Structure formats: structure tokens, C-alpha cells
Amino acid sequence: MRSLTLVRRIAARPSIVFEAMTTAEGVAAWFGPDDLPVVRAEMDARVGGAYRVHFRTLDGHDHIASGEFLEVVPPRRIVMSWSWASGGELEERGRVSRVEIELTPIGDGTELTFTHAALGSEASEKSHARGWGGALDKLVRRVENAAVTTNRSS
């Protein structure tokens, strides 16, 4: 089994990042990289709750990821199962992997440590690293822009 770990520093409180990662509205704004935007997101962010995220490539191909929340510790930790209902990496279809997200307060915001474990191959790891890297970069932009806007209007 393969895994990948990505780290981002975000200039926003962990509670703000946590909300962006556990609400349908928040997830719809960042969950896919720029070339794989979210069409619809459903989130029931509680232990045993389900999620489903429908992406569509810019050339019209659909991808749907779904899973279950295994741990939810606001605003510090999220663990969920991950599987492709359609699209995604061919070799990952029918397989269940695991996503772990740690949100640690740092001086001016949050350090996010994202791990996707139990991937089936090096090719899948590389593909998921590209996808998650783009998505997390988008998360940083969205959350930091929202924090700046909120601070200006306060």
C-alpha cells in the first residue's frame, strides 16, 4: 500500500479551515483542483455520516468520490474513508482508502497535514498527489481570501 502526505500553512484559524472541510458549501468551493471543479457536494460530518462529492472535468467527464466519516474532532481532526463511485483512478475503483486531516494551530493560523493512505499503486499515489495538491492550494486561497474579507468588514 502507498500513501501521500501534504502539508499547508493557512492564515486562518483552525475552526475556519475545519468548517471549509466539513460543510457542503465549503467543500464545493475547494475540493477539486482547478481542472476538476465540484458540481455537487453532500456532507454529513459526524462519525458514521456519509459524504459524496461529484466532480466534472473541464471536458465533461464525471468523477464521484464518497465515503464515511470515521473520526470528527472539531476543529482539529477529520478521518474518512475514500472510494471512487465513478471516474477517478481505474485501479482504485472498488477499493477503500483512508484520508486523515490534522489541523494544528500555529502563530498566525493553521498547519494542515493531509494524509491519503492505502492507495493501490505508485501511479495512483502520483495522481492523488496532483489532485489533492491542487485542491489544497485552492483551499488555502479560498480560506485566506475569506479571512481577509471577514477581517476588513469587522
C-alpha atoms as a PDB file:
ATOM      1  CA  MET A   1       0.000   0.000   0.000  1.00  0.00           C
ATOM      2  CA  ARG A   2       1.099   3.536  -0.739  1.00  0.00           C
ATOM      3  CA  SER A   3       0.314   6.841   0.942  1.00  0.00           C
ATOM      4  CA  LEU A   4       0.939  10.516   0.452  1.00  0.00           C
ATOM      5  CA  THR A   5       1.201  13.353   2.927  1.00  0.00           C
ATOM      6  CA  LEU A   6       0.823  17.046   2.065  1.00  0.00           C
ATOM      7  CA  VAL A   7       1.261  19.997   4.430  1.00  0.00           C
ATOM      8  CA  ARG A   8      -0.102  23.516   4.025  1.00  0.00           C
ATOM      9  CA  ARG A   9       0.116  26.579   6.268  1.00  0.00           C
ATOM     10  CA  ILE A  10      -3.048  28.644   6.166  1.00  0.00           C
ATOM     11  CA  ALA A  11      -3.536  32.162   7.502  1.00  0.00           C
ATOM     12  CA  ALA A  12      -6.874  31.348   9.147  1.00  0.00           C
ATOM     13  CA  ARG A  13      -7.959  29.809  12.443  1.00  0.00           C
ATOM     14  CA  PRO A  14      -8.436  26.008  12.601  1.00  0.00           C
ATOM     15  CA  SER A  15     -12.190  26.496  13.144  1.00  0.00           C
ATOM     16  CA  ILE A  16     -12.476  28.316   9.799  1.00  0.00           C
ATOM     17  CA  VAL A  17     -10.466  25.646   7.969  1.00  0.00           C
ATOM     18  CA  PHE A  18     -12.452  22.878   9.684  1.00  0.00           C
ATOM     19  CA  GLU A  19     -15.744  24.418   8.538  1.00  0.00           C
ATOM     20  CA  ALA A  20     -14.465  24.664   4.958  1.00  0.00           C
ATOM     21  CA  MET A  21     -13.619  20.961   5.107  1.00  0.00           C
ATOM     22  CA  THR A  22     -16.835  19.666   6.677  1.00  0.00           C
ATOM     23  CA  THR A  23     -19.697  21.626   5.088  1.00  0.00           C
ATOM     24  CA  ALA A  24     -21.163  21.097   1.629  1.00  0.00           C
ATOM     25  CA  GLU A  25     -20.765  24.797   0.812  1.00  0.00           C
ATOM     26  CA  GLY A  26     -17.148  24.833   1.979  1.00  0.00           C
ATOM     27  CA  VAL A  27     -16.202  21.632   0.152  1.00  0.00           C
ATOM     28  CA  ALA A  28     -17.875  22.776  -3.074  1.00  0.00           C
ATOM     29  CA  ALA A  29     -15.572  25.818  -3.105  1.00  0.00           C
ATOM     30  CA  TRP A  30     -12.247  23.960  -2.978  1.00  0.00           C
ATOM     31  CA  PHE A  31     -12.391  20.158  -3.033  1.00  0.00           C
ATOM     32  CA  GLY A  32     -11.232  19.617  -6.602  1.00  0.00           C
ATOM     33  CA  PRO A  33      -8.230  21.135  -8.348  1.00  0.00           C
ATOM     34  CA  ASP A  34      -8.971  23.935 -10.821  1.00  0.00           C
ATOM     35  CA  ASP A  35      -9.351  21.475 -13.718  1.00  0.00           C
ATOM     36  CA  LEU A  36     -11.747  19.247 -11.738  1.00  0.00           C
ATOM     37  CA  PRO A  37     -14.358  21.559 -10.172  1.00  0.00           C
ATOM     38  CA  VAL A  38     -17.094  20.316  -7.855  1.00  0.00           C
ATOM     39  CA  VAL A  39     -20.585  20.028  -9.325  1.00  0.00           C
ATOM     40  CA  ARG A  40     -22.238  18.952  -6.075  1.00  0.00           C
ATOM     41  CA  ALA A  41     -21.130  18.153  -2.540  1.00  0.00           C
ATOM     42  CA  GLU A  42     -23.051  16.390   0.216  1.00  0.00           C
ATOM     43  CA  MET A  43     -21.536  16.278   3.714  1.00  0.00           C
ATOM     44  CA  ASP A  44     -22.815  14.771   6.968  1.00  0.00           C
ATOM     45  CA  ALA A  45     -19.716  15.472   9.063  1.00  0.00           C
ATOM     46  CA  ARG A  46     -20.289  13.260  12.083  1.00  0.00           C
ATOM     47  CA  VAL A  47     -18.909   9.851  12.956  1.00  0.00           C
ATOM     48  CA  GLY A  48     -20.808   7.400  10.752  1.00  0.00           C
ATOM     49  CA  GLY A  49     -22.058  10.203   8.497  1.00  0.00           C
ATOM     50  CA  ALA A  50     -21.541   9.982   4.757  1.00  0.00           C
ATOM     51  CA  TYR A  51     -20.158  12.344   2.153  1.00  0.00           C
ATOM     52  CA  ARG A  52     -20.323  12.380  -1.627  1.00  0.00           C
ATOM     53  CA  VAL A  53     -18.525  14.779  -3.953  1.00  0.00           C
ATOM     54  CA  HIS A  54     -19.298  14.965  -7.679  1.00  0.00           C
ATOM     55  CA  PHE A  55     -16.535  16.485  -9.831  1.00  0.00           C
ATOM     56  CA  ARG A  56     -16.609  17.228 -13.559  1.00  0.00           C
ATOM     57  CA  THR A  57     -13.513  17.708 -15.689  1.00  0.00           C
ATOM     58  CA  LEU A  58     -13.395  20.740 -17.945  1.00  0.00           C
ATOM     59  CA  ASP A  59     -14.029  18.404 -20.910  1.00  0.00           C
ATOM     60  CA  GLY A  60     -17.161  16.940 -19.266  1.00  0.00           C
ATOM     61  CA  HIS A  61     -16.071  13.657 -17.600  1.00  0.00           C
ATOM     62  CA  ASP A  62     -17.746  12.932 -14.263  1.00  0.00           C
ATOM     63  CA  HIS A  63     -15.973  11.625 -11.166  1.00  0.00           C
ATOM     64  CA  ILE A  64     -17.740  10.833  -7.891  1.00  0.00           C
ATOM     65  CA  ALA A  65     -15.943  10.158  -4.612  1.00  0.00           C
ATOM     66  CA  SER A  66     -17.747   9.033  -1.494  1.00  0.00           C
ATOM     67  CA  GLY A  67     -17.118   7.646   1.931  1.00  0.00           C
ATOM     68  CA  GLU A  68     -17.863   7.779   5.612  1.00  0.00           C
ATOM     69  CA  PHE A  69     -16.595   9.991   8.418  1.00  0.00           C
ATOM     70  CA  LEU A  70     -14.638   7.777  10.827  1.00  0.00           C
ATOM     71  CA  GLU A  71     -13.436  10.495  13.236  1.00  0.00           C
ATOM     72  CA  VAL A  72     -14.583  14.089  13.608  1.00  0.00           C
ATOM     73  CA  VAL A  73     -12.891  16.170  16.314  1.00  0.00           C
ATOM     74  CA  PRO A  74     -13.746  19.850  15.787  1.00  0.00           C
ATOM     75  CA  PRO A  75     -11.679  21.832  14.920  1.00  0.00           C
ATOM     76  CA  ARG A  76      -8.635  19.540  14.973  1.00  0.00           C
ATOM     77  CA  ARG A  77      -9.074  16.242  13.143  1.00  0.00           C
ATOM     78  CA  ILE A  78     -11.086  14.593  10.365  1.00  0.00           C
ATOM     79  CA  VAL A  79     -10.704  10.972   9.265  1.00  0.00           C
ATOM     80  CA  MET A  80     -12.782   9.480   6.484  1.00  0.00           C
ATOM     81  CA  SER A  81     -12.896   6.528   4.161  1.00  0.00           C
ATOM     82  CA  TRP A  82     -12.483   7.316   0.442  1.00  0.00           C
ATOM     83  CA  SER A  83     -13.642   5.445  -2.628  1.00  0.00           C
ATOM     84  CA  TRP A  84     -14.426   6.287  -6.227  1.00  0.00           C
ATOM     85  CA  ALA A  85     -18.071   5.605  -7.089  1.00  0.00           C
ATOM     86  CA  SER A  86     -17.266   6.580 -10.685  1.00  0.00           C
ATOM     87  CA  GLY A  87     -14.317   8.048 -12.527  1.00  0.00           C
ATOM     88  CA  GLY A  88     -11.101   8.533 -10.604  1.00  0.00           C
ATOM     89  CA  GLU A  89      -8.199   6.141 -10.866  1.00  0.00           C
ATOM     90  CA  LEU A  90      -9.301   2.905 -12.576  1.00  0.00           C
ATOM     91  CA  GLU A  91      -7.273   0.684 -10.258  1.00  0.00           C
ATOM     92  CA  GLU A  92      -8.806   2.365  -7.194  1.00  0.00           C
ATOM     93  CA  ARG A  93     -12.415   1.610  -8.170  1.00  0.00           C
ATOM     94  CA  GLY A  94     -13.959  -0.736  -5.670  1.00  0.00           C
ATOM     95  CA  ARG A  95     -11.139  -0.098  -3.188  1.00  0.00           C
ATOM     96  CA  VAL A  96     -11.465   1.884   0.024  1.00  0.00           C
ATOM     97  CA  SER A  97      -8.624   4.114   1.155  1.00  0.00           C
ATOM     98  CA  ARG A  98      -8.308   6.467   4.122  1.00  0.00           C
ATOM     99  CA  VAL A  99      -7.973  10.263   4.369  1.00  0.00           C
ATOM    100  CA  GLU A 100      -6.666  11.826   7.593  1.00  0.00           C
ATOM    101  CA  ILE A 101      -6.597  15.582   8.169  1.00  0.00           C
ATOM    102  CA  GLU A 102      -4.909  17.214  11.163  1.00  0.00           C
ATOM    103  CA  LEU A 103      -5.412  20.927  11.850  1.00  0.00           C
ATOM    104  CA  THR A 104      -2.810  22.360  14.232  1.00  0.00           C
ATOM    105  CA  PRO A 105      -2.927  25.960  15.463  1.00  0.00           C
ATOM    106  CA  ILE A 106       0.216  27.927  14.642  1.00  0.00           C
ATOM    107  CA  GLY A 107       1.114  31.570  15.281  1.00  0.00           C
ATOM    108  CA  ASP A 108      -0.950  33.218  12.563  1.00  0.00           C
ATOM    109  CA  GLY A 109      -3.268  30.401  11.564  1.00  0.00           C
ATOM    110  CA  THR A 110      -3.307  26.672  10.915  1.00  0.00           C
ATOM    111  CA  GLU A 111      -0.940  23.983   9.787  1.00  0.00           C
ATOM    112  CA  LEU A 112      -2.907  21.394   7.832  1.00  0.00           C
ATOM    113  CA  THR A 113      -1.402  17.909   7.497  1.00  0.00           C
ATOM    114  CA  PHE A 114      -3.262  15.821   4.936  1.00  0.00           C
ATOM    115  CA  THR A 115      -2.584  12.095   4.506  1.00  0.00           C
ATOM    116  CA  HIS A 116      -4.232   9.797   1.977  1.00  0.00           C
ATOM    117  CA  ALA A 117      -3.309   6.226   2.905  1.00  0.00           C
ATOM    118  CA  ALA A 118      -3.906   2.737   1.488  1.00  0.00           C
ATOM    119  CA  LEU A 119      -3.585   3.738  -2.158  1.00  0.00           C
ATOM    120  CA  GLY A 120      -3.041   0.832  -4.527  1.00  0.00           C
ATOM    121  CA  SER A 121      -0.011   1.876  -6.579  1.00  0.00           C
ATOM    122  CA  GLU A 122       2.638   4.463  -7.294  1.00  0.00           C
ATOM    123  CA  ALA A 123       0.593   5.738 -10.266  1.00  0.00           C
ATOM    124  CA  SER A 124      -2.441   6.216  -8.006  1.00  0.00           C
ATOM    125  CA  GLU A 125      -0.298   7.970  -5.401  1.00  0.00           C
ATOM    126  CA  LYS A 126       1.042  10.389  -8.028  1.00  0.00           C
ATOM    127  CA  SER A 127      -2.437  11.048  -9.441  1.00  0.00           C
ATOM    128  CA  HIS A 128      -3.910  11.680  -5.991  1.00  0.00           C
ATOM    129  CA  ALA A 129      -0.936  13.881  -5.033  1.00  0.00           C
ATOM    130  CA  ARG A 130      -1.626  16.067  -8.081  1.00  0.00           C
ATOM    131  CA  GLY A 131      -5.361  16.203  -7.366  1.00  0.00           C
ATOM    132  CA  TRP A 132      -5.075  16.819  -3.639  1.00  0.00           C
ATOM    133  CA  GLY A 133      -2.205  19.277  -4.140  1.00  0.00           C
ATOM    134  CA  GLY A 134      -4.346  21.389  -6.455  1.00  0.00           C
ATOM    135  CA  ALA A 135      -7.354  21.102  -4.150  1.00  0.00           C
ATOM    136  CA  LEU A 136      -5.382  22.106  -1.046  1.00  0.00           C
ATOM    137  CA  ASP A 137      -3.845  25.051  -2.894  1.00  0.00           C
ATOM    138  CA  LYS A 138      -7.381  26.141  -3.766  1.00  0.00           C
ATOM    139  CA  LEU A 139      -8.449  25.652  -0.130  1.00  0.00           C
ATOM    140  CA  VAL A 140      -5.628  27.931   1.041  1.00  0.00           C
ATOM    141  CA  ARG A 141      -6.648  30.641  -1.459  1.00  0.00           C
ATOM    142  CA  ARG A 142     -10.371  30.427  -0.611  1.00  0.00           C
ATOM    143  CA  VAL A 143      -9.977  30.342   3.177  1.00  0.00           C
ATOM    144  CA  GLU A 144      -7.355  33.090   3.290  1.00  0.00           C
ATOM    145  CA  ASN A 145      -9.402  35.307   0.959  1.00  0.00           C
ATOM    146  CA  ALA A 146     -12.487  34.762   3.137  1.00  0.00           C
ATOM    147  CA  ALA A 147     -10.475  35.563   6.280  1.00  0.00           C
ATOM    148  CA  VAL A 148      -9.193  38.801   4.741  1.00  0.00           C
ATOM    149  CA  THR A 149     -12.727  39.793   3.679  1.00  0.00           C
ATOM    150  CA  THR A 150     -14.117  38.995   7.151  1.00  0.00           C
ATOM    151  CA  ASN A 151     -11.346  40.975   8.877  1.00  0.00           C
ATOM    152  CA  ARG A 152     -11.979  44.009   6.649  1.00  0.00           C
ATOM    153  CA  SER A 153     -15.691  44.052   7.383  1.00  0.00           C
ATOM    154  CA  SER A 154     -15.217  43.621  11.162  1.00  0.00           C
END
